Amino acid sequence: MNMKSFAQKGNVLFLILIAVGLFAALTYAVSRSSGGGAGTITNEQARVSAGQLMRAMQDIKMGYDYLWNQQGCSIDEIDFSNPPAGAGTECEMFDPLDAGIRYPTNLDEYQTAAGTGEFTFFYVGNAPAGGYGVVDLGTASDDHMVVLENVRPEICVAVNKLLDYANPNDDIIDTDAGDRIYGDVATEFVGQTSGCRAIAAGGPYDVFMVMQEL
């Protein structure tokens, strides 16, 4: 074989491989930058994401327990600001010198395109008009909660599987009338501290975790 021709063919193949690699990298970058709204994810990806999300919410609950029980912070004093205000109150959830909880930077990956990449916290002073909490959990209705709204449906299913809900592949519909009261429609959530609900058939979906039952 002519060595010059062989070298040319090798160069062409090399350039094709580079082009394929660049295209793959570009596709991955676009899918990452578009957040959770692009396409679907596999069952395994959903399972891993569900575990990461629940672990992040559990970390916040642990931070809450520390501020409430160890630091003696009242709910009026606990600051959920991200980034932390740095007020020096010793009651900031995401300040490394206070509770020291790291705020997840990838929440949008768990959400549809409608997501904001932020947790929502419900407590006295920051409550929806219709109320919040879980039916038959504790003695009062206003349980302090952390919620991630507009969660991907695949991750919602994976969360409910992880929490061992019956029929997790089906939407657990708990309609929203301007409130965040879990279990007033879907009895599956009665007395539960976490789960993923569908506001209507086909979503939107939100994942909740109780930080403190009252």
C-alpha atoms as a PDB file:
ATOM      1  CA  MET A   1       0.000   0.000   0.000  1.00  0.00           C
ATOM      2  CA  ASN A   2       1.187   3.518  -0.761  1.00  0.00           C
ATOM      3  CA  MET A   3       2.376   4.951   2.544  1.00  0.00           C
ATOM      4  CA  LYS A   4       1.112   8.436   1.677  1.00  0.00           C
ATOM      5  CA  SER A   5      -2.372   7.051   0.966  1.00  0.00           C
ATOM      6  CA  PHE A   6      -2.291   5.051   4.205  1.00  0.00           C
ATOM      7  CA  ALA A   7      -1.335   8.157   6.190  1.00  0.00           C
ATOM      8  CA  GLN A   8      -4.114  10.166   4.580  1.00  0.00           C
ATOM      9  CA  LYS A   9      -6.681   7.509   5.459  1.00  0.00           C
ATOM     10  CA  GLY A  10      -5.360   7.452   9.006  1.00  0.00           C
ATOM     11  CA  ASN A  11      -5.692  11.225   9.267  1.00  0.00           C
ATOM     12  CA  VAL A  12      -9.279  11.087   7.989  1.00  0.00           C
ATOM     13  CA  LEU A  13     -10.192   8.403  10.528  1.00  0.00           C
ATOM     14  CA  PHE A  14      -8.553  10.428  13.286  1.00  0.00           C
ATOM     15  CA  LEU A  15     -10.552  13.516  12.304  1.00  0.00           C
ATOM     16  CA  ILE A  16     -13.784  11.495  12.231  1.00  0.00           C
ATOM     17  CA  LEU A  17     -13.100  10.184  15.737  1.00  0.00           C
ATOM     18  CA  ILE A  18     -12.434  13.721  16.971  1.00  0.00           C
ATOM     19  CA  ALA A  19     -15.701  14.911  15.394  1.00  0.00           C
ATOM     20  CA  VAL A  20     -17.642  12.074  17.023  1.00  0.00           C
ATOM     21  CA  GLY A  21     -16.076  12.855  20.392  1.00  0.00           C
ATOM     22  CA  LEU A  22     -16.847  16.566  20.091  1.00  0.00           C
ATOM     23  CA  PHE A  23     -20.440  15.831  19.105  1.00  0.00           C
ATOM     24  CA  ALA A  24     -20.880  13.538  22.117  1.00  0.00           C
ATOM     25  CA  ALA A  25     -19.393  16.159  24.421  1.00  0.00           C
ATOM     26  CA  LEU A  26     -21.648  18.854  22.956  1.00  0.00           C
ATOM     27  CA  THR A  27     -24.737  16.658  23.350  1.00  0.00           C
ATOM     28  CA  TYR A  28     -23.861  15.974  26.985  1.00  0.00           C
ATOM     29  CA  ALA A  29     -23.233  19.677  27.682  1.00  0.00           C
ATOM     30  CA  VAL A  30     -26.559  20.684  26.136  1.00  0.00           C
ATOM     31  CA  SER A  31     -28.457  18.057  28.120  1.00  0.00           C
ATOM     32  CA  ARG A  32     -26.778  19.245  31.338  1.00  0.00           C
ATOM     33  CA  SER A  33     -27.389  22.941  30.678  1.00  0.00           C
ATOM     34  CA  SER A  34     -31.037  22.382  29.824  1.00  0.00           C
ATOM     35  CA  GLY A  35     -31.732  21.083  33.328  1.00  0.00           C
ATOM     36  CA  GLY A  36     -34.248  18.383  34.086  1.00  0.00           C
ATOM     37  CA  GLY A  37     -36.695  19.289  31.364  1.00  0.00           C
ATOM     38  CA  ALA A  38     -34.897  17.576  28.504  1.00  0.00           C
ATOM     39  CA  GLY A  39     -35.951  14.068  27.579  1.00  0.00           C
ATOM     40  CA  THR A  40     -36.385  11.125  29.880  1.00  0.00           C
ATOM     41  CA  ILE A  41     -33.996   9.249  32.127  1.00  0.00           C
ATOM     42  CA  THR A  42     -33.493   5.541  32.707  1.00  0.00           C
ATOM     43  CA  ASN A  43     -34.845   3.677  35.708  1.00  0.00           C
ATOM     44  CA  GLU A  44     -31.318   3.345  37.081  1.00  0.00           C
ATOM     45  CA  GLN A  45     -30.641   7.084  36.703  1.00  0.00           C
ATOM     46  CA  ALA A  46     -33.960   7.801  38.430  1.00  0.00           C
ATOM     47  CA  ARG A  47     -33.098   5.432  41.286  1.00  0.00           C
ATOM     48  CA  VAL A  48     -29.712   7.064  41.837  1.00  0.00           C
ATOM     49  CA  SER A  49     -31.195  10.569  41.632  1.00  0.00           C
ATOM     50  CA  ALA A  50     -33.968   9.655  44.085  1.00  0.00           C
ATOM     51  CA  GLY A  51     -31.394   8.426  46.577  1.00  0.00           C
ATOM     52  CA  GLN A  52     -29.316  11.591  46.193  1.00  0.00           C
ATOM     53  CA  LEU A  53     -32.357  13.824  46.589  1.00  0.00           C
ATOM     54  CA  MET A  54     -33.622  12.047  49.691  1.00  0.00           C
ATOM     55  CA  ARG A  55     -30.138  12.123  51.204  1.00  0.00           C
ATOM     56  CA  ALA A  56     -29.918  15.886  50.609  1.00  0.00           C
ATOM     57  CA  MET A  57     -33.314  16.399  52.274  1.00  0.00           C
ATOM     58  CA  GLN A  58     -32.303  14.150  55.169  1.00  0.00           C
ATOM     59  CA  ASP A  59     -29.162  16.263  55.636  1.00  0.00           C
ATOM     60  CA  ILE A  60     -31.377  19.342  55.937  1.00  0.00           C
ATOM     61  CA  LYS A  61     -33.534  17.567  58.508  1.00  0.00           C
ATOM     62  CA  MET A  62     -30.384  16.713  60.487  1.00  0.00           C
ATOM     63  CA  GLY A  63     -29.289  20.351  60.262  1.00  0.00           C
ATOM     64  CA  TYR A  64     -32.706  21.424  61.501  1.00  0.00           C
ATOM     65  CA  ASP A  65     -32.483  18.970  64.420  1.00  0.00           C
ATOM     66  CA  TYR A  66     -29.084  20.393  65.335  1.00  0.00           C
ATOM     67  CA  LEU A  67     -30.213  24.018  65.220  1.00  0.00           C
ATOM     68  CA  TRP A  68     -33.450  23.278  67.091  1.00  0.00           C
ATOM     69  CA  ASN A  69     -32.179  20.884  69.753  1.00  0.00           C
ATOM     70  CA  GLN A  70     -28.484  21.726  70.176  1.00  0.00           C
ATOM     71  CA  GLN A  71     -28.338  25.419  69.353  1.00  0.00           C
ATOM     72  CA  GLY A  72     -31.731  26.212  70.837  1.00  0.00           C
ATOM     73  CA  CYS A  73     -32.847  28.117  67.730  1.00  0.00           C
ATOM     74  CA  SER A  74     -36.557  28.772  67.362  1.00  0.00           C
ATOM     75  CA  ILE A  75     -38.241  28.490  63.972  1.00  0.00           C
ATOM     76  CA  ASP A  76     -38.301  32.289  63.867  1.00  0.00           C
ATOM     77  CA  GLU A  77     -34.516  32.286  64.193  1.00  0.00           C
ATOM     78  CA  ILE A  78     -33.591  29.479  61.802  1.00  0.00           C
ATOM     79  CA  ASP A  79     -32.447  30.965  58.509  1.00  0.00           C
ATOM     80  CA  PHE A  80     -32.888  28.840  55.372  1.00  0.00           C
ATOM     81  CA  SER A  81     -31.343  31.465  53.083  1.00  0.00           C
ATOM     82  CA  ASN A  82     -29.072  30.268  50.287  1.00  0.00           C
ATOM     83  CA  PRO A  83     -26.471  31.665  50.261  1.00  0.00           C
ATOM     84  CA  PRO A  84     -26.501  32.210  54.030  1.00  0.00           C
ATOM     85  CA  ALA A  85     -27.011  35.742  55.259  1.00  0.00           C
ATOM     86  CA  GLY A  86     -23.941  35.537  57.485  1.00  0.00           C
ATOM     87  CA  ALA A  87     -25.754  37.298  60.301  1.00  0.00           C
ATOM     88  CA  GLY A  88     -23.750  35.531  63.020  1.00  0.00           C
ATOM     89  CA  THR A  89     -26.885  34.215  64.739  1.00  0.00           C
ATOM     90  CA  GLU A  90     -25.613  30.595  64.943  1.00  0.00           C
ATOM     91  CA  CYS A  91     -28.990  29.601  63.463  1.00  0.00           C
ATOM     92  CA  GLU A  92     -28.228  29.521  59.721  1.00  0.00           C
ATOM     93  CA  MET A  93     -28.893  26.223  57.974  1.00  0.00           C
ATOM     94  CA  PHE A  94     -26.374  26.617  55.152  1.00  0.00           C
ATOM     95  CA  ASP A  95     -23.610  28.485  56.980  1.00  0.00           C
ATOM     96  CA  PRO A  96     -20.577  26.210  57.529  1.00  0.00           C
ATOM     97  CA  LEU A  97     -20.140  27.800  60.957  1.00  0.00           C
ATOM     98  CA  ASP A  98     -23.722  27.042  62.025  1.00  0.00           C
ATOM     99  CA  ALA A  99     -25.570  23.900  60.871  1.00  0.00           C
ATOM    100  CA  GLY A 100     -22.983  23.480  58.120  1.00  0.00           C
ATOM    101  CA  ILE A 101     -25.343  21.859  55.588  1.00  0.00           C
ATOM    102  CA  ARG A 102     -24.240  22.096  51.949  1.00  0.00           C
ATOM    103  CA  TYR A 103     -26.994  23.353  49.667  1.00  0.00           C
ATOM    104  CA  PRO A 104     -27.227  21.055  46.598  1.00  0.00           C
ATOM    105  CA  THR A 105     -26.175  22.790  43.398  1.00  0.00           C
ATOM    106  CA  ASN A 106     -27.821  20.275  41.059  1.00  0.00           C
ATOM    107  CA  LEU A 107     -31.479  20.316  42.127  1.00  0.00           C
ATOM    108  CA  ASP A 108     -32.560  21.319  38.624  1.00  0.00           C
ATOM    109  CA  GLU A 109     -31.371  17.906  37.415  1.00  0.00           C
ATOM    110  CA  TYR A 110     -34.162  16.339  39.475  1.00  0.00           C
ATOM    111  CA  GLN A 111     -36.797  18.701  38.076  1.00  0.00           C
ATOM    112  CA  THR A 112     -38.717  19.320  34.888  1.00  0.00           C
ATOM    113  CA  ALA A 113     -38.174  22.508  32.903  1.00  0.00           C
ATOM    114  CA  ALA A 114     -40.630  24.247  35.262  1.00  0.00           C
ATOM    115  CA  GLY A 115     -38.284  23.767  38.233  1.00  0.00           C
ATOM    116  CA  THR A 116     -36.314  26.576  39.845  1.00  0.00           C
ATOM    117  CA  GLY A 117     -33.442  24.509  41.237  1.00  0.00           C
ATOM    118  CA  GLU A 118     -34.423  25.528  44.762  1.00  0.00           C
ATOM    119  CA  PHE A 119     -35.999  23.867  47.774  1.00  0.00           C
ATOM    120  CA  THR A 120     -39.120  25.382  49.344  1.00  0.00           C
ATOM    121  CA  PHE A 121     -39.412  25.483  53.133  1.00  0.00           C
ATOM    122  CA  PHE A 122     -42.739  25.609  54.974  1.00  0.00           C
ATOM    123  CA  TYR A 123     -42.933  26.794  58.562  1.00  0.00           C
ATOM    124  CA  VAL A 124     -44.694  29.413  60.643  1.00  0.00           C
ATOM    125  CA  GLY A 125     -44.141  32.689  58.840  1.00  0.00           C
ATOM    126  CA  ASN A 126     -43.551  31.046  55.464  1.00  0.00           C
ATOM    127  CA  ALA A 127     -46.703  29.105  54.695  1.00  0.00           C
ATOM    128  CA  PRO A 128     -49.125  28.745  51.767  1.00  0.00           C
ATOM    129  CA  ALA A 129     -52.532  30.274  52.333  1.00  0.00           C
ATOM    130  CA  GLY A 130     -54.259  26.896  52.581  1.00  0.00           C
ATOM    131  CA  GLY A 131     -51.918  25.498  55.219  1.00  0.00           C
ATOM    132  CA  TYR A 132     -49.254  22.797  55.210  1.00  0.00           C
ATOM    133  CA  GLY A 133     -48.287  19.601  56.998  1.00  0.00           C
ATOM    134  CA  VAL A 134     -49.201  15.916  57.007  1.00  0.00           C
ATOM    135  CA  VAL A 135     -52.530  14.519  58.178  1.00  0.00           C
ATOM    136  CA  ASP A 136     -52.303  12.573  61.462  1.00  0.00           C
ATOM    137  CA  LEU A 137     -48.607  13.287  61.961  1.00  0.00           C
ATOM    138  CA  GLY A 138     -48.061  14.732  65.419  1.00  0.00           C
ATOM    139  CA  THR A 139     -50.753  16.708  67.203  1.00  0.00           C
ATOM    140  CA  ALA A 140     -50.798  19.878  65.089  1.00  0.00           C
ATOM    141  CA  SER A 141     -51.236  20.440  61.379  1.00  0.00           C
ATOM    142  CA  ASP A 142     -48.325  22.786  60.639  1.00  0.00           C
ATOM    143  CA  ASP A 143     -45.378  20.382  60.435  1.00  0.00           C
ATOM    144  CA  HIS A 144     -42.160  22.101  59.372  1.00  0.00           C
ATOM    145  CA  MET A 145     -41.269  20.793  55.914  1.00  0.00           C
ATOM    146  CA  VAL A 146     -38.788  20.922  53.044  1.00  0.00           C
ATOM    147  CA  VAL A 147     -40.252  20.404  49.560  1.00  0.00           C
ATOM    148  CA  LEU A 148     -38.857  20.115  46.040  1.00  0.00           C
ATOM    149  CA  GLU A 149     -41.487  21.020  43.461  1.00  0.00           C
ATOM    150  CA  ASN A 150     -41.778  20.074  39.773  1.00  0.00           C
ATOM    151  CA  VAL A 151     -39.868  16.824  40.189  1.00  0.00           C
ATOM    152  CA  ARG A 152     -39.349  14.572  37.164  1.00  0.00           C
ATOM    153  CA  PRO A 153     -42.023  11.830  37.051  1.00  0.00           C
ATOM    154  CA  GLU A 154     -39.377   9.092  36.831  1.00  0.00           C
ATOM    155  CA  ILE A 155     -37.737  10.360  40.022  1.00  0.00           C
ATOM    156  CA  CYS A 156     -41.118  10.630  41.756  1.00  0.00           C
ATOM    157  CA  VAL A 157     -41.718   6.941  41.055  1.00  0.00           C
ATOM    158  CA  ALA A 158     -38.218   6.074  42.270  1.00  0.00           C
ATOM    159  CA  VAL A 159     -38.714   8.063  45.492  1.00  0.00           C
ATOM    160  CA  ASN A 160     -41.937   6.228  46.316  1.00  0.00           C
ATOM    161  CA  LYS A 161     -40.258   2.896  45.532  1.00  0.00           C
ATOM    162  CA  LEU A 162     -37.398   3.826  47.851  1.00  0.00           C
ATOM    163  CA  LEU A 163     -39.904   4.662  50.589  1.00  0.00           C
ATOM    164  CA  ASP A 164     -41.777   1.401  49.981  1.00  0.00           C
ATOM    165  CA  TYR A 165     -45.155   2.892  49.056  1.00  0.00           C
ATOM    166  CA  ALA A 166     -47.681   0.457  47.597  1.00  0.00           C
ATOM    167  CA  ASN A 167     -48.062   0.670  43.795  1.00  0.00           C
ATOM    168  CA  PRO A 168     -45.260   3.242  43.393  1.00  0.00           C
ATOM    169  CA  ASN A 169     -45.515   3.174  39.599  1.00  0.00           C
ATOM    170  CA  ASP A 170     -48.954   4.803  39.855  1.00  0.00           C
ATOM    171  CA  ASP A 171     -49.418   8.491  40.613  1.00  0.00           C
ATOM    172  CA  ILE A 172     -50.361   9.140  44.232  1.00  0.00           C
ATOM    173  CA  ILE A 173     -52.725  12.007  43.529  1.00  0.00           C
ATOM    174  CA  ASP A 174     -53.094  14.499  46.349  1.00  0.00           C
ATOM    175  CA  THR A 175     -54.768  17.514  44.774  1.00  0.00           C
ATOM    176  CA  ASP A 176     -53.540  20.996  45.558  1.00  0.00           C
ATOM    177  CA  ALA A 177     -56.123  23.607  46.500  1.00  0.00           C
ATOM    178  CA  GLY A 178     -53.496  26.206  47.326  1.00  0.00           C
ATOM    179  CA  ASP A 179     -52.199  24.192  50.274  1.00  0.00           C
ATOM    180  CA  ARG A 180     -49.426  21.758  51.096  1.00  0.00           C
ATOM    181  CA  ILE A 181     -51.429  19.382  53.259  1.00  0.00           C
ATOM    182  CA  TYR A 182     -50.358  15.848  52.438  1.00  0.00           C
ATOM    183  CA  GLY A 183     -52.842  13.066  53.100  1.00  0.00           C
ATOM    184  CA  ASP A 184     -56.046  15.094  52.984  1.00  0.00           C
ATOM    185  CA  VAL A 185     -56.877  13.411  49.656  1.00  0.00           C
ATOM    186  CA  ALA A 186     -54.349  10.601  49.236  1.00  0.00           C
ATOM    187  CA  THR A 187     -54.591   8.424  52.331  1.00  0.00           C
ATOM    188  CA  GLU A 188     -51.231   6.872  51.431  1.00  0.00           C
ATOM    189  CA  PHE A 189     -49.547   9.953  52.925  1.00  0.00           C
ATOM    190  CA  VAL A 190     -51.462   9.950  56.227  1.00  0.00           C
ATOM    191  CA  GLY A 191     -48.915   9.852  59.054  1.00  0.00           C
ATOM    192  CA  GLN A 192     -45.930   9.703  56.663  1.00  0.00           C
ATOM    193  CA  THR A 193     -42.834  11.888  56.960  1.00  0.00           C
ATOM    194  CA  SER A 194     -41.839  11.869  53.275  1.00  0.00           C
ATOM    195  CA  GLY A 195     -43.025  10.928  49.822  1.00  0.00           C
ATOM    196  CA  CYS A 196     -43.753  12.171  46.325  1.00  0.00           C
ATOM    197  CA  ARG A 197     -47.231  13.259  45.304  1.00  0.00           C
ATOM    198  CA  ALA A 198     -48.881  14.084  42.013  1.00  0.00           C
ATOM    199  CA  ILE A 199     -50.977  17.231  42.202  1.00  0.00           C
ATOM    200  CA  ALA A 200     -52.997  15.815  39.288  1.00  0.00           C
ATOM    201  CA  ALA A 201     -52.795  12.778  37.019  1.00  0.00           C
ATOM    202  CA  GLY A 202     -49.569  13.151  35.075  1.00  0.00           C
ATOM    203  CA  GLY A 203     -48.190  15.781  37.433  1.00  0.00           C
ATOM    204  CA  PRO A 204     -46.791  18.143  38.402  1.00  0.00           C
ATOM    205  CA  TYR A 205     -45.012  16.256  41.177  1.00  0.00           C
ATOM    206  CA  ASP A 206     -43.379  17.336  44.416  1.00  0.00           C
ATOM    207  CA  VAL A 207     -41.271  15.517  46.980  1.00  0.00           C
ATOM    208  CA  PHE A 208     -41.731  16.407  50.658  1.00  0.00           C
ATOM    209  CA  MET A 209     -39.914  15.641  53.868  1.00  0.00           C
ATOM    210  CA  VAL A 210     -40.988  16.676  57.357  1.00  0.00           C
ATOM    211  CA  MET A 211     -38.209  18.363  59.314  1.00  0.00           C
ATOM    212  CA  GLN A 212     -40.220  18.393  62.518  1.00  0.00           C
ATOM    213  CA  GLU A 213     -43.649  17.009  63.276  1.00  0.00           C
ATOM    214  CA  LEU A 214     -45.726  19.222  65.542  1.00  0.00           C
END
